Amino acid sequence: MRVGNWDAAVVMARSALQFTMRDKGATKGTLYAEIEDLANKGTLHPLMKEWSHEVRELGNDSAHPDPQAPPTDPENARDIVQFLDLLLGYLYDLPKHISDYRQRKVTSP
């Protein structure tokens, strides 16, 4: 992102998304199937599912470029990376914060 290689940023975001889906227990397959699997299991909220597919699609476009297609839009790349940050917070940070809160609540006088 810092050097303006938008395609690389989007492909890395897509790769991180797939790693996350697998880490969260998705049945291995295509990224599309992995997103659908976690959505069906209730791990992904419907809005997160929708945006996960956005990351997947833009990542596909960057990983398999069409010479006739326009280059990756910098604003789209920034949005995708920002979404990935939010998704990671939702799947990893939020559950940890809730767990920590519950632990404090149980152990407090």
PDB file of N, CA and C in Angstrom:
ATOM      1  N   MET A   1       0.828  -1.185   0.000  1.00  0.00           N
ATOM      2  CA  MET A   1       0.000   0.000   0.000  1.00  0.00           C
ATOM      3  C   MET A   1       0.875   1.254   0.000  1.00  0.00           C
ATOM      4  N   ARG A   2       1.917   1.231   0.797  1.00  0.00           N
ATOM      5  CA  ARG A   2       2.750   2.433   0.918  1.00  0.00           C
ATOM      6  C   ARG A   2       3.468   2.789  -0.369  1.00  0.00           C
ATOM      7  N   VAL A   3       3.750   1.805  -1.203  1.00  0.00           N
ATOM      8  CA  VAL A   3       4.453   2.097  -2.456  1.00  0.00           C
ATOM      9  C   VAL A   3       3.506   2.126  -3.638  1.00  0.00           C
ATOM     10  N   GLY A   4       2.217   1.989  -3.376  1.00  0.00           N
ATOM     11  CA  GLY A   4       1.231   2.099  -4.436  1.00  0.00           C
ATOM     12  C   GLY A   4       1.092   0.879  -5.327  1.00  0.00           C
ATOM     13  N   ASN A   5       1.497  -0.277  -4.850  1.00  0.00           N
ATOM     14  CA  ASN A   5       1.297  -1.491  -5.645  1.00  0.00           C
ATOM     15  C   ASN A   5      -0.051  -2.087  -5.230  1.00  0.00           C
ATOM     16  N   TRP A   6      -1.102  -1.550  -5.840  1.00  0.00           N
ATOM     17  CA  TRP A   6      -2.475  -1.867  -5.451  1.00  0.00           C
ATOM     18  C   TRP A   6      -2.816  -3.327  -5.705  1.00  0.00           C
ATOM     19  N   ASP A   7      -2.325  -3.869  -6.827  1.00  0.00           N
ATOM     20  CA  ASP A   7      -2.601  -5.279  -7.115  1.00  0.00           C
ATOM     21  C   ASP A   7      -1.994  -6.180  -6.044  1.00  0.00           C
ATOM     22  N   ALA A   8      -0.768  -5.916  -5.669  1.00  0.00           N
ATOM     23  CA  ALA A   8      -0.117  -6.735  -4.641  1.00  0.00           C
ATOM     24  C   ALA A   8      -0.861  -6.630  -3.312  1.00  0.00           C
ATOM     25  N   ALA A   9      -1.291  -5.436  -2.951  1.00  0.00           N
ATOM     26  CA  ALA A   9      -2.021  -5.245  -1.695  1.00  0.00           C
ATOM     27  C   ALA A   9      -3.314  -6.047  -1.690  1.00  0.00           C
ATOM     28  N   VAL A  10      -4.014  -6.036  -2.813  1.00  0.00           N
ATOM     29  CA  VAL A  10      -5.288  -6.742  -2.897  1.00  0.00           C
ATOM     30  C   VAL A  10      -5.075  -8.253  -2.905  1.00  0.00           C
ATOM     31  N   VAL A  11      -4.058  -8.724  -3.612  1.00  0.00           N
ATOM     32  CA  VAL A  11      -3.779 -10.165  -3.632  1.00  0.00           C
ATOM     33  C   VAL A  11      -3.380 -10.635  -2.237  1.00  0.00           C
ATOM     34  N   MET A  12      -2.590  -9.851  -1.521  1.00  0.00           N
ATOM     35  CA  MET A  12      -2.209 -10.231  -0.158  1.00  0.00           C
ATOM     36  C   MET A  12      -3.413 -10.213   0.775  1.00  0.00           C
ATOM     37  N   ALA A  13      -4.316  -9.261   0.590  1.00  0.00           N
ATOM     38  CA  ALA A  13      -5.536  -9.234   1.400  1.00  0.00           C
ATOM     39  C   ALA A  13      -6.371 -10.480   1.135  1.00  0.00           C
ATOM     40  N   ARG A  14      -6.462 -10.875  -0.122  1.00  0.00           N
ATOM     41  CA  ARG A  14      -7.204 -12.081  -0.473  1.00  0.00           C
ATOM     42  C   ARG A  14      -6.558 -13.312   0.161  1.00  0.00           C
ATOM     43  N   SER A  15      -5.259 -13.383   0.113  1.00  0.00           N
ATOM     44  CA  SER A  15      -4.541 -14.503   0.710  1.00  0.00           C
ATOM     45  C   SER A  15      -4.768 -14.550   2.219  1.00  0.00           C
ATOM     46  N   ALA A  16      -4.712 -13.408   2.867  1.00  0.00           N
ATOM     47  CA  ALA A  16      -4.954 -13.343   4.313  1.00  0.00           C
ATOM     48  C   ALA A  16      -6.393 -13.744   4.634  1.00  0.00           C
ATOM     49  N   LEU A  17      -7.318 -13.365   3.772  1.00  0.00           N
ATOM     50  CA  LEU A  17      -8.709 -13.755   3.955  1.00  0.00           C
ATOM     51  C   LEU A  17      -8.850 -15.275   3.906  1.00  0.00           C
ATOM     52  N   GLN A  18      -8.213 -15.904   2.926  1.00  0.00           N
ATOM     53  CA  GLN A  18      -8.320 -17.352   2.813  1.00  0.00           C
ATOM     54  C   GLN A  18      -7.669 -18.041   4.014  1.00  0.00           C
ATOM     55  N   PHE A  19      -6.529 -17.551   4.439  1.00  0.00           N
ATOM     56  CA  PHE A  19      -5.891 -18.119   5.630  1.00  0.00           C
ATOM     57  C   PHE A  19      -6.834 -18.022   6.827  1.00  0.00           C
ATOM     58  N   THR A  20      -7.485 -16.875   6.975  1.00  0.00           N
ATOM     59  CA  THR A  20      -8.400 -16.658   8.090  1.00  0.00           C
ATOM     60  C   THR A  20      -9.580 -17.624   8.027  1.00  0.00           C
ATOM     61  N   MET A  21     -10.158 -17.801   6.844  1.00  0.00           N
ATOM     62  CA  MET A  21     -11.289 -18.724   6.705  1.00  0.00           C
ATOM     63  C   MET A  21     -10.881 -20.126   7.152  1.00  0.00           C
ATOM     64  N   ARG A  22      -9.709 -20.546   6.736  1.00  0.00           N
ATOM     65  CA  ARG A  22      -9.225 -21.886   7.105  1.00  0.00           C
ATOM     66  C   ARG A  22      -8.905 -21.968   8.592  1.00  0.00           C
ATOM     67  N   ASP A  23      -8.319 -20.915   9.126  1.00  0.00           N
ATOM     68  CA  ASP A  23      -7.993 -20.895  10.546  1.00  0.00           C
ATOM     69  C   ASP A  23      -9.257 -20.968  11.407  1.00  0.00           C
ATOM     70  N   LYS A  24     -10.336 -20.425  10.900  1.00  0.00           N
ATOM     71  CA  LYS A  24     -11.601 -20.422  11.630  1.00  0.00           C
ATOM     72  C   LYS A  24     -12.434 -21.678  11.374  1.00  0.00           C
ATOM     73  N   GLY A  25     -11.861 -22.646  10.652  1.00  0.00           N
ATOM     74  CA  GLY A  25     -12.512 -23.942  10.525  1.00  0.00           C
ATOM     75  C   GLY A  25     -13.295 -24.197   9.262  1.00  0.00           C
ATOM     76  N   ALA A  26     -13.118 -23.361   8.253  1.00  0.00           N
ATOM     77  CA  ALA A  26     -13.822 -23.610   6.991  1.00  0.00           C
ATOM     78  C   ALA A  26     -13.302 -24.889   6.353  1.00  0.00           C
ATOM     79  N   THR A  27     -14.204 -25.620   5.751  1.00  0.00           N
ATOM     80  CA  THR A  27     -13.822 -26.798   4.994  1.00  0.00           C
ATOM     81  C   THR A  27     -13.019 -26.329   3.799  1.00  0.00           C
ATOM     82  N   LYS A  28     -11.807 -26.864   3.640  1.00  0.00           N
ATOM     83  CA  LYS A  28     -10.919 -26.406   2.569  1.00  0.00           C
ATOM     84  C   LYS A  28     -11.528 -26.655   1.198  1.00  0.00           C
ATOM     85  N   GLY A  29     -11.330 -25.694   0.339  1.00  0.00           N
ATOM     86  CA  GLY A  29     -11.828 -25.749  -1.028  1.00  0.00           C
ATOM     87  C   GLY A  29     -11.492 -24.433  -1.687  1.00  0.00           C
ATOM     88  N   THR A  30     -12.384 -23.962  -2.507  1.00  0.00           N
ATOM     89  CA  THR A  30     -12.191 -22.637  -3.086  1.00  0.00           C
ATOM     90  C   THR A  30     -12.485 -21.599  -2.012  1.00  0.00           C
ATOM     91  N   LEU A  31     -11.961 -20.420  -2.181  1.00  0.00           N
ATOM     92  CA  LEU A  31     -12.247 -19.366  -1.211  1.00  0.00           C
ATOM     93  C   LEU A  31     -13.744 -19.081  -1.176  1.00  0.00           C
ATOM     94  N   TYR A  32     -14.394 -19.121  -2.321  1.00  0.00           N
ATOM     95  CA  TYR A  32     -15.844 -18.921  -2.362  1.00  0.00           C
ATOM     96  C   TYR A  32     -16.523 -19.918  -1.420  1.00  0.00           C
ATOM     97  N   ALA A  33     -16.184 -21.197  -1.561  1.00  0.00           N
ATOM     98  CA  ALA A  33     -16.800 -22.245  -0.740  1.00  0.00           C
ATOM     99  C   ALA A  33     -16.455 -22.069   0.730  1.00  0.00           C
ATOM    100  N   GLU A  34     -15.244 -21.638   1.026  1.00  0.00           N
ATOM    101  CA  GLU A  34     -14.836 -21.445   2.415  1.00  0.00           C
ATOM    102  C   GLU A  34     -15.629 -20.315   3.070  1.00  0.00           C
ATOM    103  N   ILE A  35     -15.833 -19.228   2.337  1.00  0.00           N
ATOM    104  CA  ILE A  35     -16.639 -18.117   2.857  1.00  0.00           C
ATOM    105  C   ILE A  35     -18.067 -18.594   3.107  1.00  0.00           C
ATOM    106  N   GLU A  36     -18.632 -19.295   2.138  1.00  0.00           N
ATOM    107  CA  GLU A  36     -19.994 -19.805   2.273  1.00  0.00           C
ATOM    108  C   GLU A  36     -20.099 -20.758   3.465  1.00  0.00           C
ATOM    109  N   ASP A  37     -19.095 -21.604   3.652  1.00  0.00           N
ATOM    110  CA  ASP A  37     -19.099 -22.564   4.751  1.00  0.00           C
ATOM    111  C   ASP A  37     -19.157 -21.845   6.093  1.00  0.00           C
ATOM    112  N   LEU A  38     -18.301 -20.840   6.281  1.00  0.00           N
ATOM    113  CA  LEU A  38     -18.306 -20.126   7.563  1.00  0.00           C
ATOM    114  C   LEU A  38     -19.576 -19.310   7.751  1.00  0.00           C
ATOM    115  N   ALA A  39     -20.143 -18.808   6.676  1.00  0.00           N
ATOM    116  CA  ALA A  39     -21.415 -18.084   6.786  1.00  0.00           C
ATOM    117  C   ALA A  39     -22.525 -19.053   7.200  1.00  0.00           C
ATOM    118  N   ASN A  40     -22.551 -20.235   6.593  1.00  0.00           N
ATOM    119  CA  ASN A  40     -23.560 -21.238   6.940  1.00  0.00           C
ATOM    120  C   ASN A  40     -23.412 -21.743   8.367  1.00  0.00           C
ATOM    121  N   LYS A  41     -22.184 -21.754   8.875  1.00  0.00           N
ATOM    122  CA  LYS A  41     -21.932 -22.182  10.258  1.00  0.00           C
ATOM    123  C   LYS A  41     -22.244 -21.072  11.265  1.00  0.00           C
ATOM    124  N   GLY A  42     -22.490 -19.859  10.773  1.00  0.00           N
ATOM    125  CA  GLY A  42     -22.781 -18.738  11.655  1.00  0.00           C
ATOM    126  C   GLY A  42     -21.555 -17.995  12.137  1.00  0.00           C
ATOM    127  N   THR A  43     -20.386 -18.387  11.666  1.00  0.00           N
ATOM    128  CA  THR A  43     -19.151 -17.707  12.063  1.00  0.00           C
ATOM    129  C   THR A  43     -19.062 -16.332  11.420  1.00  0.00           C
ATOM    130  N   LEU A  44     -19.529 -16.240  10.181  1.00  0.00           N
ATOM    131  CA  LEU A  44     -19.513 -14.961   9.462  1.00  0.00           C
ATOM    132  C   LEU A  44     -20.920 -14.379   9.434  1.00  0.00           C
ATOM    133  N   HIS A  45     -21.037 -13.169   9.885  1.00  0.00           N
ATOM    134  CA  HIS A  45     -22.275 -12.401   9.785  1.00  0.00           C
ATOM    135  C   HIS A  45     -22.572 -12.195   8.293  1.00  0.00           C
ATOM    136  N   PRO A  46     -23.846 -12.101   7.889  1.00  0.00           N
ATOM    137  CA  PRO A  46     -24.160 -11.915   6.458  1.00  0.00           C
ATOM    138  C   PRO A  46     -23.435 -10.729   5.812  1.00  0.00           C
ATOM    139  N   LEU A  47     -23.289  -9.633   6.534  1.00  0.00           N
ATOM    140  CA  LEU A  47     -22.575  -8.484   5.974  1.00  0.00           C
ATOM    141  C   LEU A  47     -21.091  -8.802   5.787  1.00  0.00           C
ATOM    142  N   MET A  48     -20.508  -9.526   6.743  1.00  0.00           N
ATOM    143  CA  MET A  48     -19.106  -9.933   6.618  1.00  0.00           C
ATOM    144  C   MET A  48     -18.936 -10.919   5.467  1.00  0.00           C
ATOM    145  N   LYS A  49     -19.915 -11.779   5.276  1.00  0.00           N
ATOM    146  CA  LYS A  49     -19.882 -12.709   4.136  1.00  0.00           C
ATOM    147  C   LYS A  49     -19.852 -11.923   2.828  1.00  0.00           C
ATOM    148  N   GLU A  50     -20.743 -10.949   2.718  1.00  0.00           N
ATOM    149  CA  GLU A  50     -20.820 -10.141   1.496  1.00  0.00           C
ATOM    150  C   GLU A  50     -19.488  -9.451   1.212  1.00  0.00           C
ATOM    151  N   TRP A  51     -18.892  -8.854   2.226  1.00  0.00           N
ATOM    152  CA  TRP A  51     -17.639  -8.144   2.009  1.00  0.00           C
ATOM    153  C   TRP A  51     -16.469  -9.083   1.824  1.00  0.00           C
ATOM    154  N   SER A  52     -16.542 -10.265   2.405  1.00  0.00           N
ATOM    155  CA  SER A  52     -15.496 -11.261   2.149  1.00  0.00           C
ATOM    156  C   SER A  52     -15.481 -11.626   0.675  1.00  0.00           C
ATOM    157  N   HIS A  53     -16.652 -11.730   0.087  1.00  0.00           N
ATOM    158  CA  HIS A  53     -16.715 -12.013  -1.346  1.00  0.00           C
ATOM    159  C   HIS A  53     -16.161 -10.843  -2.167  1.00  0.00           C
ATOM    160  N   GLU A  54     -16.330  -9.623  -1.688  1.00  0.00           N
ATOM    161  CA  GLU A  54     -15.748  -8.465  -2.383  1.00  0.00           C
ATOM    162  C   GLU A  54     -14.222  -8.571  -2.401  1.00  0.00           C
ATOM    163  N   VAL A  55     -13.652  -8.931  -1.254  1.00  0.00           N
ATOM    164  CA  VAL A  55     -12.198  -9.109  -1.179  1.00  0.00           C
ATOM    165  C   VAL A  55     -11.774 -10.216  -2.143  1.00  0.00           C
ATOM    166  N   ARG A  56     -12.499 -11.313  -2.127  1.00  0.00           N
ATOM    167  CA  ARG A  56     -12.191 -12.454  -2.996  1.00  0.00           C
ATOM    168  C   ARG A  56     -12.235 -12.043  -4.467  1.00  0.00           C
ATOM    169  N   GLU A  57     -13.284 -11.348  -4.862  1.00  0.00           N
ATOM    170  CA  GLU A  57     -13.435 -10.978  -6.271  1.00  0.00           C
ATOM    171  C   GLU A  57     -12.359  -9.994  -6.725  1.00  0.00           C
ATOM    172  N   LEU A  58     -12.106  -8.975  -5.933  1.00  0.00           N
ATOM    173  CA  LEU A  58     -11.073  -8.013  -6.312  1.00  0.00           C
ATOM    174  C   LEU A  58      -9.705  -8.680  -6.308  1.00  0.00           C
ATOM    175  N   GLY A  59      -9.481  -9.569  -5.351  1.00  0.00           N
ATOM    176  CA  GLY A  59      -8.229 -10.320  -5.320  1.00  0.00           C
ATOM    177  C   GLY A  59      -8.057 -11.190  -6.542  1.00  0.00           C
ATOM    178  N   ASN A  60      -9.140 -11.814  -6.976  1.00  0.00           N
ATOM    179  CA  ASN A  60      -9.083 -12.624  -8.202  1.00  0.00           C
ATOM    180  C   ASN A  60      -8.726 -11.765  -9.407  1.00  0.00           C
ATOM    181  N   ASP A  61      -9.345 -10.598  -9.489  1.00  0.00           N
ATOM    182  CA  ASP A  61      -9.064  -9.701 -10.610  1.00  0.00           C
ATOM    183  C   ASP A  61      -7.593  -9.292 -10.644  1.00  0.00           C
ATOM    184  N   SER A  62      -7.024  -9.072  -9.460  1.00  0.00           N
ATOM    185  CA  SER A  62      -5.622  -8.656  -9.406  1.00  0.00           C
ATOM    186  C   SER A  62      -4.671  -9.824  -9.635  1.00  0.00           C
ATOM    187  N   ALA A  63      -5.056 -11.001  -9.159  1.00  0.00           N
ATOM    188  CA  ALA A  63      -4.186 -12.174  -9.306  1.00  0.00           C
ATOM    189  C   ALA A  63      -4.201 -12.718 -10.729  1.00  0.00           C
ATOM    190  N   HIS A  64      -5.298 -12.510 -11.433  1.00  0.00           N
ATOM    191  CA  HIS A  64      -5.453 -13.011 -12.802  1.00  0.00           C
ATOM    192  C   HIS A  64      -5.869 -11.851 -13.695  1.00  0.00           C
ATOM    193  N   PRO A  65      -4.943 -10.924 -13.914  1.00  0.00           N
ATOM    194  CA  PRO A  65      -5.313  -9.684 -14.613  1.00  0.00           C
ATOM    195  C   PRO A  65      -5.717  -9.917 -16.069  1.00  0.00           C
ATOM    196  N   ASP A  66      -6.646  -9.113 -16.469  1.00  0.00           N
ATOM    197  CA  ASP A  66      -7.101  -9.071 -17.854  1.00  0.00           C
ATOM    198  C   ASP A  66      -6.488  -7.817 -18.481  1.00  0.00           C
ATOM    199  N   PRO A  67      -5.705  -7.967 -19.543  1.00  0.00           N
ATOM    200  CA  PRO A  67      -5.069  -6.787 -20.146  1.00  0.00           C
ATOM    201  C   PRO A  67      -6.073  -5.734 -20.606  1.00  0.00           C
ATOM    202  N   GLN A  68      -7.306  -6.146 -20.825  1.00  0.00           N
ATOM    203  CA  GLN A  68      -8.344  -5.207 -21.269  1.00  0.00           C
ATOM    204  C   GLN A  68      -9.012  -4.477 -20.106  1.00  0.00           C
ATOM    205  N   ALA A  69      -8.847  -5.002 -18.900  1.00  0.00           N
ATOM    206  CA  ALA A  69      -9.504  -4.409 -17.726  1.00  0.00           C
ATOM    207  C   ALA A  69      -8.710  -3.210 -17.218  1.00  0.00           C
ATOM    208  N   PRO A  70      -9.409  -2.269 -16.590  1.00  0.00           N
ATOM    209  CA  PRO A  70      -8.697  -1.124 -16.007  1.00  0.00           C
ATOM    210  C   PRO A  70      -7.851  -1.587 -14.820  1.00  0.00           C
ATOM    211  N   PRO A  71      -6.812  -0.830 -14.464  1.00  0.00           N
ATOM    212  CA  PRO A  71      -5.975  -1.200 -13.321  1.00  0.00           C
ATOM    213  C   PRO A  71      -6.776  -1.132 -12.013  1.00  0.00           C
ATOM    214  N   THR A  72      -6.258  -1.771 -11.004  1.00  0.00           N
ATOM    215  CA  THR A  72      -6.918  -1.747  -9.696  1.00  0.00           C
ATOM    216  C   THR A  72      -6.975  -0.315  -9.185  1.00  0.00           C
ATOM    217  N   ASP A  73      -8.146   0.072  -8.776  1.00  0.00           N
ATOM    218  CA  ASP A  73      -8.365   1.418  -8.262  1.00  0.00           C
ATOM    219  C   ASP A  73      -7.761   1.532  -6.858  1.00  0.00           C
ATOM    220  N   PRO A  74      -6.936   2.543  -6.615  1.00  0.00           N
ATOM    221  CA  PRO A  74      -6.317   2.690  -5.295  1.00  0.00           C
ATOM    222  C   PRO A  74      -7.334   2.777  -4.153  1.00  0.00           C
ATOM    223  N   GLU A  75      -8.438   3.460  -4.393  1.00  0.00           N
ATOM    224  CA  GLU A  75      -9.456   3.578  -3.339  1.00  0.00           C
ATOM    225  C   GLU A  75     -10.080   2.219  -3.031  1.00  0.00           C
ATOM    226  N   ASN A  76     -10.311   1.416  -4.054  1.00  0.00           N
ATOM    227  CA  ASN A  76     -10.834   0.070  -3.828  1.00  0.00           C
ATOM    228  C   ASN A  76      -9.840  -0.771  -3.032  1.00  0.00           C
ATOM    229  N   ALA A  77      -8.561  -0.666  -3.370  1.00  0.00           N
ATOM    230  CA  ALA A  77      -7.537  -1.418  -2.639  1.00  0.00           C
ATOM    231  C   ALA A  77      -7.506  -0.998  -1.175  1.00  0.00           C
ATOM    232  N   ARG A  78      -7.572   0.290  -0.924  1.00  0.00           N
ATOM    233  CA  ARG A  78      -7.589   0.776   0.468  1.00  0.00           C
ATOM    234  C   ARG A  78      -8.819   0.251   1.209  1.00  0.00           C
ATOM    235  N   ASP A  79      -9.967   0.297   0.546  1.00  0.00           N
ATOM    236  CA  ASP A  79     -11.200  -0.199   1.164  1.00  0.00           C
ATOM    237  C   ASP A  79     -11.096  -1.679   1.508  1.00  0.00           C
ATOM    238  N   ILE A  80     -10.537  -2.460   0.599  1.00  0.00           N
ATOM    239  CA  ILE A  80     -10.420  -3.901   0.819  1.00  0.00           C
ATOM    240  C   ILE A  80      -9.495  -4.192   2.009  1.00  0.00           C
ATOM    241  N   VAL A  81      -8.388  -3.502   2.080  1.00  0.00           N
ATOM    242  CA  VAL A  81      -7.459  -3.706   3.194  1.00  0.00           C
ATOM    243  C   VAL A  81      -8.106  -3.251   4.503  1.00  0.00           C
ATOM    244  N   GLN A  82      -8.835  -2.163   4.472  1.00  0.00           N
ATOM    245  CA  GLN A  82      -9.529  -1.695   5.670  1.00  0.00           C
ATOM    246  C   GLN A  82     -10.593  -2.709   6.090  1.00  0.00           C
ATOM    247  N   PHE A  83     -11.331  -3.251   5.121  1.00  0.00           N
ATOM    248  CA  PHE A  83     -12.311  -4.271   5.463  1.00  0.00           C
ATOM    249  C   PHE A  83     -11.633  -5.470   6.123  1.00  0.00           C
ATOM    250  N   LEU A  84     -10.517  -5.893   5.558  1.00  0.00           N
ATOM    251  CA  LEU A  84      -9.808  -7.040   6.129  1.00  0.00           C
ATOM    252  C   LEU A  84      -9.447  -6.762   7.584  1.00  0.00           C
ATOM    253  N   ASP A  85      -8.989  -5.553   7.887  1.00  0.00           N
ATOM    254  CA  ASP A  85      -8.686  -5.191   9.272  1.00  0.00           C
ATOM    255  C   ASP A  85      -9.923  -5.336  10.160  1.00  0.00           C
ATOM    256  N   LEU A  86     -11.068  -4.882   9.666  1.00  0.00           N
ATOM    257  CA  LEU A  86     -12.309  -4.993  10.436  1.00  0.00           C
ATOM    258  C   LEU A  86     -12.718  -6.445  10.625  1.00  0.00           C
ATOM    259  N   LEU A  87     -12.580  -7.237   9.582  1.00  0.00           N
ATOM    260  CA  LEU A  87     -12.925  -8.653   9.669  1.00  0.00           C
ATOM    261  C   LEU A  87     -12.051  -9.361  10.697  1.00  0.00           C
ATOM    262  N   LEU A  88     -10.761  -9.089  10.665  1.00  0.00           N
ATOM    263  CA  LEU A  88      -9.853  -9.708  11.631  1.00  0.00           C
ATOM    264  C   LEU A  88     -10.199  -9.280  13.056  1.00  0.00           C
ATOM    265  N   GLY A  89     -10.579  -8.029  13.224  1.00  0.00           N
ATOM    266  CA  GLY A  89     -11.014  -7.564  14.537  1.00  0.00           C
ATOM    267  C   GLY A  89     -12.270  -8.281  14.995  1.00  0.00           C
ATOM    268  N   TYR A  90     -13.201  -8.481  14.084  1.00  0.00           N
ATOM    269  CA  TYR A  90     -14.460  -9.160  14.382  1.00  0.00           C
ATOM    270  C   TYR A  90     -14.231 -10.624  14.752  1.00  0.00           C
ATOM    271  N   LEU A  91     -13.373 -11.300  14.003  1.00  0.00           N
ATOM    272  CA  LEU A  91     -13.170 -12.734  14.204  1.00  0.00           C
ATOM    273  C   LEU A  91     -12.182 -13.075  15.323  1.00  0.00           C
ATOM    274  N   TYR A  92     -11.234 -12.174  15.610  1.00  0.00           N
ATOM    275  CA  TYR A  92     -10.200 -12.483  16.599  1.00  0.00           C
ATOM    276  C   TYR A  92     -10.244 -11.552  17.816  1.00  0.00           C
ATOM    277  N   ASP A  93     -10.213 -10.250  17.595  1.00  0.00           N
ATOM    278  CA  ASP A  93     -10.122  -9.307  18.714  1.00  0.00           C
ATOM    279  C   ASP A  93     -11.399  -9.250  19.542  1.00  0.00           C
ATOM    280  N   LEU A  94     -12.547  -9.134  18.888  1.00  0.00           N
ATOM    281  CA  LEU A  94     -13.802  -9.006  19.615  1.00  0.00           C
ATOM    282  C   LEU A  94     -14.068 -10.208  20.525  1.00  0.00           C
ATOM    283  N   PRO A  95     -13.940 -11.438  20.038  1.00  0.00           N
ATOM    284  CA  PRO A  95     -14.142 -12.570  20.950  1.00  0.00           C
ATOM    285  C   PRO A  95     -13.174 -12.552  22.142  1.00  0.00           C
ATOM    286  N   LYS A  96     -11.945 -12.122  21.924  1.00  0.00           N
ATOM    287  CA  LYS A  96     -10.964 -12.038  23.015  1.00  0.00           C
ATOM    288  C   LYS A  96     -11.399 -10.985  24.036  1.00  0.00           C
ATOM    289  N   HIS A  97     -11.852  -9.825  23.555  1.00  0.00           N
ATOM    290  CA  HIS A  97     -12.314  -8.774  24.466  1.00  0.00           C
ATOM    291  C   HIS A  97     -13.512  -9.252  25.288  1.00  0.00           C
ATOM    292  N   ILE A  98     -14.425  -9.953  24.641  1.00  0.00           N
ATOM    293  CA  ILE A  98     -15.602 -10.463  25.348  1.00  0.00           C
ATOM    294  C   ILE A  98     -15.184 -11.499  26.387  1.00  0.00           C
ATOM    295  N   SER A  99     -14.284 -12.379  26.011  1.00  0.00           N
ATOM    296  CA  SER A  99     -13.788 -13.388  26.949  1.00  0.00           C
ATOM    297  C   SER A  99     -13.104 -12.736  28.145  1.00  0.00           C
ATOM    298  N   ASP A 100     -12.267 -11.737  27.884  1.00  0.00           N
ATOM    299  CA  ASP A 100     -11.581 -11.027  28.971  1.00  0.00           C
ATOM    300  C   ASP A 100     -12.589 -10.355  29.897  1.00  0.00           C
ATOM    301  N   TYR A 101     -13.606  -9.737  29.320  1.00  0.00           N
ATOM    302  CA  TYR A 101     -14.642  -9.084  30.115  1.00  0.00           C
ATOM    303  C   TYR A 101     -15.354 -10.105  30.998  1.00  0.00           C
ATOM    304  N   ARG A 102     -15.726 -11.217  30.413  1.00  0.00           N
ATOM    305  CA  ARG A 102     -16.425 -12.249  31.176  1.00  0.00           C
ATOM    306  C   ARG A 102     -15.556 -12.792  32.305  1.00  0.00           C
ATOM    307  N   GLN A 103     -14.282 -12.955  32.055  1.00  0.00           N
ATOM    308  CA  GLN A 103     -13.359 -13.424  33.103  1.00  0.00           C
ATOM    309  C   GLN A 103     -13.301 -12.419  34.244  1.00  0.00           C
ATOM    310  N   ARG A 104     -13.199 -11.142  33.910  1.00  0.00           N
ATOM    311  CA  ARG A 104     -13.165 -10.103  34.948  1.00  0.00           C
ATOM    312  C   ARG A 104     -14.465 -10.084  35.725  1.00  0.00           C
ATOM    313  N   LYS A 105     -15.558 -10.232  35.054  1.00  0.00           N
ATOM    314  CA  LYS A 105     -16.871 -10.202  35.686  1.00  0.00           C
ATOM    315  C   LYS A 105     -17.047 -11.353  36.671  1.00  0.00           C
ATOM    316  N   VAL A 106     -16.567 -12.540  36.291  1.00  0.00           N
ATOM    317  CA  VAL A 106     -16.691 -13.728  37.146  1.00  0.00           C
ATOM    318  C   VAL A 106     -15.787 -13.613  38.363  1.00  0.00           C
ATOM    319  N   THR A 107     -14.590 -13.082  38.176  1.00  0.00           N
ATOM    320  CA  THR A 107     -13.607 -13.056  39.261  1.00  0.00           C
ATOM    321  C   THR A 107     -13.679 -11.779  40.116  1.00  0.00           C
ATOM    322  N   SER A 108     -14.472 -10.789  39.714  1.00  0.00           N
ATOM    323  CA  SER A 108     -14.521  -9.561  40.512  1.00  0.00           C
ATOM    324  C   SER A 108     -15.458  -9.753  41.704  1.00  0.00           C
ATOM    325  N   PRO A 109     -15.149  -9.049  42.815  1.00  0.00           N
ATOM    326  CA  PRO A 109     -15.947  -9.223  44.052  1.00  0.00           C
ATOM    327  C   PRO A 109     -17.344  -8.669  43.921  1.00  0.00           C
TER     328      PRO A 109
END
